[in-house]
């Protein structure tokens, strides 16, 4: 679900669909591994785990729990 380079540099996790942010189990500055759950998005009464496509460090979380998001909206960035 990320966009941009998959191997190096900053990438942005974008919403694959409109929905409601249910949980953000990561914090700014946190190191993450490939496959870690970065955000849980509820859409059409289903919860979707958005996972890291590669390891990195959370550089900025741009949404909050309880916030409604649109498709392709940037949710967070990872370096």
PDB file of N, CA and C in Angstrom:
ATOM      1  N   UNK A   1       0.811  -1.206   0.000  1.00  0.00           N
ATOM      2  CA  UNK A   1       0.000   0.000   0.000  1.00  0.00           C
ATOM      3  C   UNK A   1       0.847   1.260   0.000  1.00  0.00           C
ATOM      4  N   UNK A   2       2.146   1.125   0.130  1.00  0.00           N
ATOM      5  CA  UNK A   2       3.016   2.302   0.112  1.00  0.00           C
ATOM      6  C   UNK A   2       3.271   2.747  -1.312  1.00  0.00           C
ATOM      7  N   UNK A   3       3.800   3.934  -1.447  1.00  0.00           N
ATOM      8  CA  UNK A   3       4.172   4.396  -2.780  1.00  0.00           C
ATOM      9  C   UNK A   3       5.570   4.961  -2.711  1.00  0.00           C
ATOM     10  N   UNK A   4       6.193   5.097  -3.857  1.00  0.00           N
ATOM     11  CA  UNK A   4       7.562   5.574  -3.875  1.00  0.00           C
ATOM     12  C   UNK A   4       8.514   4.398  -3.872  1.00  0.00           C
ATOM     13  N   UNK A   5       9.802   4.656  -3.726  1.00  0.00           N
ATOM     14  CA  UNK A   5      10.789   3.579  -3.775  1.00  0.00           C
ATOM     15  C   UNK A   5      10.559   2.576  -2.651  1.00  0.00           C
ATOM     16  N   UNK A   6      10.670   1.303  -2.976  1.00  0.00           N
ATOM     17  CA  UNK A   6      10.433   0.265  -1.979  1.00  0.00           C
ATOM     18  C   UNK A   6      11.694  -0.075  -1.191  1.00  0.00           C
ATOM     19  N   UNK A   7      12.858   0.276  -1.691  1.00  0.00           N
ATOM     20  CA  UNK A   7      14.096  -0.154  -1.059  1.00  0.00           C
ATOM     21  C   UNK A   7      14.807   0.936  -0.264  1.00  0.00           C
ATOM     22  N   UNK A   8      14.779   2.178  -0.718  1.00  0.00           N
ATOM     23  CA  UNK A   8      15.509   3.220  -0.011  1.00  0.00           C
ATOM     24  C   UNK A   8      14.791   4.551  -0.160  1.00  0.00           C
ATOM     25  N   UNK A   9      15.159   5.509   0.693  1.00  0.00           N
ATOM     26  CA  UNK A   9      14.505   6.809   0.659  1.00  0.00           C
ATOM     27  C   UNK A   9      13.190   6.776   1.412  1.00  0.00           C
ATOM     28  N   UNK A  10      12.530   7.919   1.420  1.00  0.00           N
ATOM     29  CA  UNK A  10      11.266   8.047   2.141  1.00  0.00           C
ATOM     30  C   UNK A  10      10.130   7.452   1.318  1.00  0.00           C
ATOM     31  N   UNK A  11       9.197   6.786   1.992  1.00  0.00           N
ATOM     32  CA  UNK A  11       7.984   6.359   1.299  1.00  0.00           C
ATOM     33  C   UNK A  11       6.779   6.760   2.134  1.00  0.00           C
ATOM     34  N   UNK A  12       5.637   6.817   1.476  1.00  0.00           N
ATOM     35  CA  UNK A  12       4.409   7.292   2.092  1.00  0.00           C
ATOM     36  C   UNK A  12       3.374   6.184   2.078  1.00  0.00           C
ATOM     37  N   UNK A  13       2.816   5.900   3.248  1.00  0.00           N
ATOM     38  CA  UNK A  13       1.716   4.948   3.338  1.00  0.00           C
ATOM     39  C   UNK A  13       0.445   5.715   3.016  1.00  0.00           C
ATOM     40  N   UNK A  14      -0.263   5.282   1.977  1.00  0.00           N
ATOM     41  CA  UNK A  14      -1.483   5.967   1.546  1.00  0.00           C
ATOM     42  C   UNK A  14      -2.682   5.059   1.754  1.00  0.00           C
ATOM     43  N   UNK A  15      -3.823   5.672   2.003  1.00  0.00           N
ATOM     44  CA  UNK A  15      -5.055   4.910   2.203  1.00  0.00           C
ATOM     45  C   UNK A  15      -5.456   4.233   0.891  1.00  0.00           C
ATOM     46  N   UNK A  16      -5.637   2.909   0.906  1.00  0.00           N
ATOM     47  CA  UNK A  16      -6.040   2.208  -0.311  1.00  0.00           C
ATOM     48  C   UNK A  16      -7.524   2.394  -0.623  1.00  0.00           C
ATOM     49  N   UNK A  17      -8.267   2.921   0.363  1.00  0.00           N
ATOM     50  CA  UNK A  17      -9.707   3.121   0.238  1.00  0.00           C
ATOM     51  C   UNK A  17     -10.134   4.152   1.267  1.00  0.00           C
ATOM     52  N   UNK A  18     -11.311   4.767   1.088  1.00  0.00           N
ATOM     53  CA  UNK A  18     -11.788   5.663   2.143  1.00  0.00           C
ATOM     54  C   UNK A  18     -12.138   4.843   3.382  1.00  0.00           C
ATOM     55  N   UNK A  19     -11.975   5.438   4.552  1.00  0.00           N
ATOM     56  CA  UNK A  19     -12.298   4.705   5.768  1.00  0.00           C
ATOM     57  C   UNK A  19     -12.037   5.523   7.015  1.00  0.00           C
ATOM     58  N   UNK A  20     -12.071   4.822   8.140  1.00  0.00           N
ATOM     59  CA  UNK A  20     -11.898   5.426   9.455  1.00  0.00           C
ATOM     60  C   UNK A  20     -10.660   4.815  10.104  1.00  0.00           C
ATOM     61  N   UNK A  21      -9.766   5.661  10.607  1.00  0.00           N
ATOM     62  CA  UNK A  21      -8.564   5.173  11.289  1.00  0.00           C
ATOM     63  C   UNK A  21      -8.992   4.615  12.648  1.00  0.00           C
ATOM     64  N   UNK A  22      -8.755   3.312  12.850  1.00  0.00           N
ATOM     65  CA  UNK A  22      -9.157   2.624  14.080  1.00  0.00           C
ATOM     66  C   UNK A  22      -8.013   2.579  15.095  1.00  0.00           C
ATOM     67  N   UNK A  23      -6.783   2.353  14.594  1.00  0.00           N
ATOM     68  CA  UNK A  23      -5.630   2.249  15.492  1.00  0.00           C
ATOM     69  C   UNK A  23      -4.355   2.594  14.725  1.00  0.00           C
ATOM     70  N   UNK A  24      -3.408   3.175  15.444  1.00  0.00           N
ATOM     71  CA  UNK A  24      -2.077   3.458  14.899  1.00  0.00           C
ATOM     72  C   UNK A  24      -1.084   2.892  15.918  1.00  0.00           C
ATOM     73  N   UNK A  25      -0.664   1.619  15.723  1.00  0.00           N
ATOM     74  CA  UNK A  25       0.188   0.973  16.726  1.00  0.00           C
ATOM     75  C   UNK A  25       1.666   1.356  16.657  1.00  0.00           C
ATOM     76  N   UNK A  26       1.990   2.445  15.955  1.00  0.00           N
ATOM     77  CA  UNK A  26       3.371   2.930  15.870  1.00  0.00           C
ATOM     78  C   UNK A  26       3.412   4.399  16.288  1.00  0.00           C
ATOM     79  N   UNK A  27       4.622   4.893  16.577  1.00  0.00           N
ATOM     80  CA  UNK A  27       4.797   6.291  16.965  1.00  0.00           C
ATOM     81  C   UNK A  27       5.905   6.917  16.127  1.00  0.00           C
ATOM     82  N   UNK A  28       5.921   8.244  16.063  1.00  0.00           N
ATOM     83  CA  UNK A  28       6.988   8.952  15.352  1.00  0.00           C
ATOM     84  C   UNK A  28       8.337   8.523  15.915  1.00  0.00           C
ATOM     85  N   UNK A  29       9.292   8.260  15.025  1.00  0.00           N
ATOM     86  CA  UNK A  29      10.637   7.887  15.443  1.00  0.00           C
ATOM     87  C   UNK A  29      10.826   6.407  15.714  1.00  0.00           C
ATOM     88  N   UNK A  30       9.748   5.635  15.655  1.00  0.00           N
ATOM     89  CA  UNK A  30       9.835   4.202  15.940  1.00  0.00           C
ATOM     90  C   UNK A  30      10.446   3.441  14.769  1.00  0.00           C
ATOM     91  N   UNK A  31      11.359   2.511  15.077  1.00  0.00           N
ATOM     92  CA  UNK A  31      11.910   1.628  14.044  1.00  0.00           C
ATOM     93  C   UNK A  31      10.890   0.542  13.758  1.00  0.00           C
ATOM     94  N   UNK A  32      10.729   0.235  12.467  1.00  0.00           N
ATOM     95  CA  UNK A  32       9.777  -0.795  12.063  1.00  0.00           C
ATOM     96  C   UNK A  32      10.469  -1.802  11.153  1.00  0.00           C
ATOM     97  N   UNK A  33       9.898  -3.000  11.089  1.00  0.00           N
ATOM     98  CA  UNK A  33      10.398  -4.051  10.209  1.00  0.00           C
ATOM     99  C   UNK A  33       9.393  -4.284   9.090  1.00  0.00           C
ATOM    100  N   UNK A  34       9.850  -4.859   7.999  1.00  0.00           N
ATOM    101  CA  UNK A  34       8.957  -5.210   6.899  1.00  0.00           C
ATOM    102  C   UNK A  34       7.841  -6.101   7.441  1.00  0.00           C
ATOM    103  N   UNK A  35       6.600  -5.777   7.098  1.00  0.00           N
ATOM    104  CA  UNK A  35       5.455  -6.568   7.537  1.00  0.00           C
ATOM    105  C   UNK A  35       4.804  -6.093   8.822  1.00  0.00           C
ATOM    106  N   UNK A  36       5.442  -5.154   9.541  1.00  0.00           N
ATOM    107  CA  UNK A  36       4.826  -4.615  10.761  1.00  0.00           C
ATOM    108  C   UNK A  36       3.537  -3.883  10.410  1.00  0.00           C
ATOM    109  N   UNK A  37       2.528  -4.009  11.276  1.00  0.00           N
ATOM    110  CA  UNK A  37       1.277  -3.272  11.081  1.00  0.00           C
ATOM    111  C   UNK A  37       1.520  -1.817  11.458  1.00  0.00           C
ATOM    112  N   UNK A  38       1.244  -0.906  10.516  1.00  0.00           N
ATOM    113  CA  UNK A  38       1.462   0.520  10.747  1.00  0.00           C
ATOM    114  C   UNK A  38       0.177   1.241  11.117  1.00  0.00           C
ATOM    115  N   UNK A  39      -0.948   0.743  10.597  1.00  0.00           N
ATOM    116  CA  UNK A  39      -2.214   1.439  10.806  1.00  0.00           C
ATOM    117  C   UNK A  39      -3.352   0.473  10.527  1.00  0.00           C
ATOM    118  N   UNK A  40      -4.448   0.603  11.267  1.00  0.00           N
ATOM    119  CA  UNK A  40      -5.638  -0.207  11.009  1.00  0.00           C
ATOM    120  C   UNK A  40      -6.739   0.731  10.542  1.00  0.00           C
ATOM    121  N   UNK A  41      -7.256   0.433   9.356  1.00  0.00           N
ATOM    122  CA  UNK A  41      -8.260   1.265   8.695  1.00  0.00           C
ATOM    123  C   UNK A  41      -9.546   0.464   8.553  1.00  0.00           C
ATOM    124  N   UNK A  42     -10.656   1.022   9.026  1.00  0.00           N
ATOM    125  CA  UNK A  42     -11.951   0.358   8.874  1.00  0.00           C
ATOM    126  C   UNK A  42     -12.659   0.928   7.659  1.00  0.00           C
ATOM    127  N   UNK A  43     -13.090   0.023   6.785  1.00  0.00           N
ATOM    128  CA  UNK A  43     -13.819   0.423   5.588  1.00  0.00           C
ATOM    129  C   UNK A  43     -14.889  -0.625   5.317  1.00  0.00           C
ATOM    130  N   UNK A  44     -16.104  -0.191   5.107  1.00  0.00           N
ATOM    131  CA  UNK A  44     -17.224  -1.088   4.847  1.00  0.00           C
ATOM    132  C   UNK A  44     -17.339  -2.153   5.944  1.00  0.00           C
ATOM    133  N   UNK A  45     -17.175  -1.729   7.203  1.00  0.00           N
ATOM    134  CA  UNK A  45     -17.289  -2.564   8.400  1.00  0.00           C
ATOM    135  C   UNK A  45     -16.240  -3.669   8.494  1.00  0.00           C
ATOM    136  N   UNK A  46     -15.164  -3.542   7.709  1.00  0.00           N
ATOM    137  CA  UNK A  46     -14.053  -4.495   7.802  1.00  0.00           C
ATOM    138  C   UNK A  46     -12.799  -3.739   8.215  1.00  0.00           C
ATOM    139  N   UNK A  47     -12.015  -4.346   9.103  1.00  0.00           N
ATOM    140  CA  UNK A  47     -10.762  -3.725   9.525  1.00  0.00           C
ATOM    141  C   UNK A  47      -9.622  -4.239   8.655  1.00  0.00           C
ATOM    142  N   UNK A  48      -8.847  -3.314   8.109  1.00  0.00           N
ATOM    143  CA  UNK A  48      -7.741  -3.637   7.216  1.00  0.00           C
ATOM    144  C   UNK A  48      -6.429  -3.221   7.863  1.00  0.00           C
ATOM    145  N   UNK A  49      -5.502  -4.173   8.004  1.00  0.00           N
ATOM    146  CA  UNK A  49      -4.177  -3.873   8.546  1.00  0.00           C
ATOM    147  C   UNK A  49      -3.281  -3.403   7.410  1.00  0.00           C
ATOM    148  N   UNK A  50      -2.777  -2.195   7.516  1.00  0.00           N
ATOM    149  CA  UNK A  50      -1.850  -1.667   6.518  1.00  0.00           C
ATOM    150  C   UNK A  50      -0.441  -1.921   7.045  1.00  0.00           C
ATOM    151  N   UNK A  51       0.344  -2.689   6.282  1.00  0.00           N
ATOM    152  CA  UNK A  51       1.651  -3.156   6.749  1.00  0.00           C
ATOM    153  C   UNK A  51       2.804  -2.478   6.022  1.00  0.00           C
ATOM    154  N   UNK A  52       3.943  -2.473   6.683  1.00  0.00           N
ATOM    155  CA  UNK A  52       5.156  -1.864   6.121  1.00  0.00           C
ATOM    156  C   UNK A  52       5.707  -2.726   4.991  1.00  0.00           C
ATOM    157  N   UNK A  53       5.950  -2.136   3.816  1.00  0.00           N
ATOM    158  CA  UNK A  53       6.538  -2.894   2.716  1.00  0.00           C
ATOM    159  C   UNK A  53       8.039  -3.133   2.903  1.00  0.00           C
ATOM    160  N   UNK A  54       8.661  -2.383   3.819  1.00  0.00           N
ATOM    161  CA  UNK A  54      10.091  -2.557   4.113  1.00  0.00           C
ATOM    162  C   UNK A  54      10.391  -1.984   5.491  1.00  0.00           C
ATOM    163  N   UNK A  55      11.574  -2.272   5.984  1.00  0.00           N
ATOM    164  CA  UNK A  55      12.014  -1.735   7.273  1.00  0.00           C
ATOM    165  C   UNK A  55      12.314  -0.246   7.145  1.00  0.00           C
ATOM    166  N   UNK A  56      12.261   0.454   8.265  1.00  0.00           N
ATOM    167  CA  UNK A  56      12.567   1.882   8.268  1.00  0.00           C
ATOM    168  C   UNK A  56      12.247   2.491   9.619  1.00  0.00           C
ATOM    169  N   UNK A  57      12.096   3.809   9.621  1.00  0.00           N
ATOM    170  CA  UNK A  57      11.757   4.557  10.833  1.00  0.00           C
ATOM    171  C   UNK A  57      10.574   5.462  10.495  1.00  0.00           C
ATOM    172  N   UNK A  58       9.559   5.462  11.353  1.00  0.00           N
ATOM    173  CA  UNK A  58       8.399   6.332  11.147  1.00  0.00           C
ATOM    174  C   UNK A  58       8.877   7.777  11.254  1.00  0.00           C
ATOM    175  N   UNK A  59       8.687   8.558  10.189  1.00  0.00           N
ATOM    176  CA  UNK A  59       9.153   9.947  10.232  1.00  0.00           C
ATOM    177  C   UNK A  59       8.028  10.922  10.554  1.00  0.00           C
ATOM    178  N   UNK A  60       6.794  10.595  10.160  1.00  0.00           N
ATOM    179  CA  UNK A  60       5.691  11.508  10.474  1.00  0.00           C
ATOM    180  C   UNK A  60       4.358  10.796  10.320  1.00  0.00           C
ATOM    181  N   UNK A  61       3.548  10.848  11.361  1.00  0.00           N
ATOM    182  CA  UNK A  61       2.182  10.327  11.300  1.00  0.00           C
ATOM    183  C   UNK A  61       1.279  11.513  11.008  1.00  0.00           C
ATOM    184  N   UNK A  62       0.502  11.422   9.929  1.00  0.00           N
ATOM    185  CA  UNK A  62      -0.273  12.570   9.456  1.00  0.00           C
ATOM    186  C   UNK A  62      -1.763  12.486   9.761  1.00  0.00           C
ATOM    187  N   UNK A  63      -2.195  11.404  10.428  1.00  0.00           N
ATOM    188  CA  UNK A  63      -3.610  11.235  10.774  1.00  0.00           C
ATOM    189  C   UNK A  63      -3.717  10.833  12.238  1.00  0.00           C
ATOM    190  N   UNK A  64      -4.939  10.815  12.759  1.00  0.00           N
ATOM    191  CA  UNK A  64      -5.174  10.448  14.153  1.00  0.00           C
ATOM    192  C   UNK A  64      -6.261   9.379  14.222  1.00  0.00           C
ATOM    193  N   UNK A  65      -6.254   8.616  15.309  1.00  0.00           N
ATOM    194  CA  UNK A  65      -7.302   7.622  15.538  1.00  0.00           C
ATOM    195  C   UNK A  65      -8.647   8.343  15.562  1.00  0.00           C
ATOM    196  N   UNK A  66      -9.631   7.769  14.872  1.00  0.00           N
ATOM    197  CA  UNK A  66     -10.961   8.364  14.803  1.00  0.00           C
ATOM    198  C   UNK A  66     -11.156   9.274  13.606  1.00  0.00           C
ATOM    199  N   UNK A  67     -10.087   9.537  12.859  1.00  0.00           N
ATOM    200  CA  UNK A  67     -10.164  10.427  11.699  1.00  0.00           C
ATOM    201  C   UNK A  67     -10.652   9.665  10.469  1.00  0.00           C
ATOM    202  N   UNK A  68     -11.540  10.287   9.708  1.00  0.00           N
ATOM    203  CA  UNK A  68     -11.969   9.737   8.421  1.00  0.00           C
ATOM    204  C   UNK A  68     -10.957  10.153   7.367  1.00  0.00           C
ATOM    205  N   UNK A  69     -10.593   9.201   6.498  1.00  0.00           N
ATOM    206  CA  UNK A  69      -9.614   9.484   5.451  1.00  0.00           C
ATOM    207  C   UNK A  69     -10.183   9.128   4.087  1.00  0.00           C
ATOM    208  N   UNK A  70      -9.631   9.771   3.071  1.00  0.00           N
ATOM    209  CA  UNK A  70     -10.044   9.526   1.688  1.00  0.00           C
ATOM    210  C   UNK A  70      -9.053   8.589   1.010  1.00  0.00           C
ATOM    211  N   UNK A  71      -9.484   7.946  -0.048  1.00  0.00           N
ATOM    212  CA  UNK A  71      -8.609   7.080  -0.838  1.00  0.00           C
ATOM    213  C   UNK A  71      -7.400   7.891  -1.319  1.00  0.00           C
ATOM    214  N   UNK A  72      -6.231   7.301  -1.231  1.00  0.00           N
ATOM    215  CA  UNK A  72      -4.945   7.879  -1.647  1.00  0.00           C
ATOM    216  C   UNK A  72      -4.426   8.973  -0.712  1.00  0.00           C
ATOM    217  N   UNK A  73      -5.116   9.245   0.389  1.00  0.00           N
ATOM    218  CA  UNK A  73      -4.623  10.233   1.353  1.00  0.00           C
ATOM    219  C   UNK A  73      -3.378   9.669   2.039  1.00  0.00           C
ATOM    220  N   UNK A  74      -2.355  10.512   2.213  1.00  0.00           N
ATOM    221  CA  UNK A  74      -1.142  10.084   2.906  1.00  0.00           C
ATOM    222  C   UNK A  74      -1.443   9.942   4.392  1.00  0.00           C
ATOM    223  N   UNK A  75      -1.117   8.774   4.945  1.00  0.00           N
ATOM    224  CA  UNK A  75      -1.388   8.476   6.345  1.00  0.00           C
ATOM    225  C   UNK A  75      -0.151   8.678   7.219  1.00  0.00           C
ATOM    226  N   UNK A  76       0.999   8.250   6.705  1.00  0.00           N
ATOM    227  CA  UNK A  76       2.252   8.430   7.434  1.00  0.00           C
ATOM    228  C   UNK A  76       3.413   8.276   6.469  1.00  0.00           C
ATOM    229  N   UNK A  77       4.581   8.704   6.917  1.00  0.00           N
ATOM    230  CA  UNK A  77       5.776   8.569   6.081  1.00  0.00           C
ATOM    231  C   UNK A  77       6.852   7.818   6.860  1.00  0.00           C
ATOM    232  N   UNK A  78       7.681   7.099   6.094  1.00  0.00           N
ATOM    233  CA  UNK A  78       8.735   6.266   6.663  1.00  0.00           C
ATOM    234  C   UNK A  78      10.036   6.548   5.917  1.00  0.00           C
ATOM    235  N   UNK A  79      11.130   6.656   6.670  1.00  0.00           N
ATOM    236  CA  UNK A  79      12.449   6.818   6.039  1.00  0.00           C
ATOM    237  C   UNK A  79      13.293   5.598   6.340  1.00  0.00           C
TER     238      UNK A  79
END
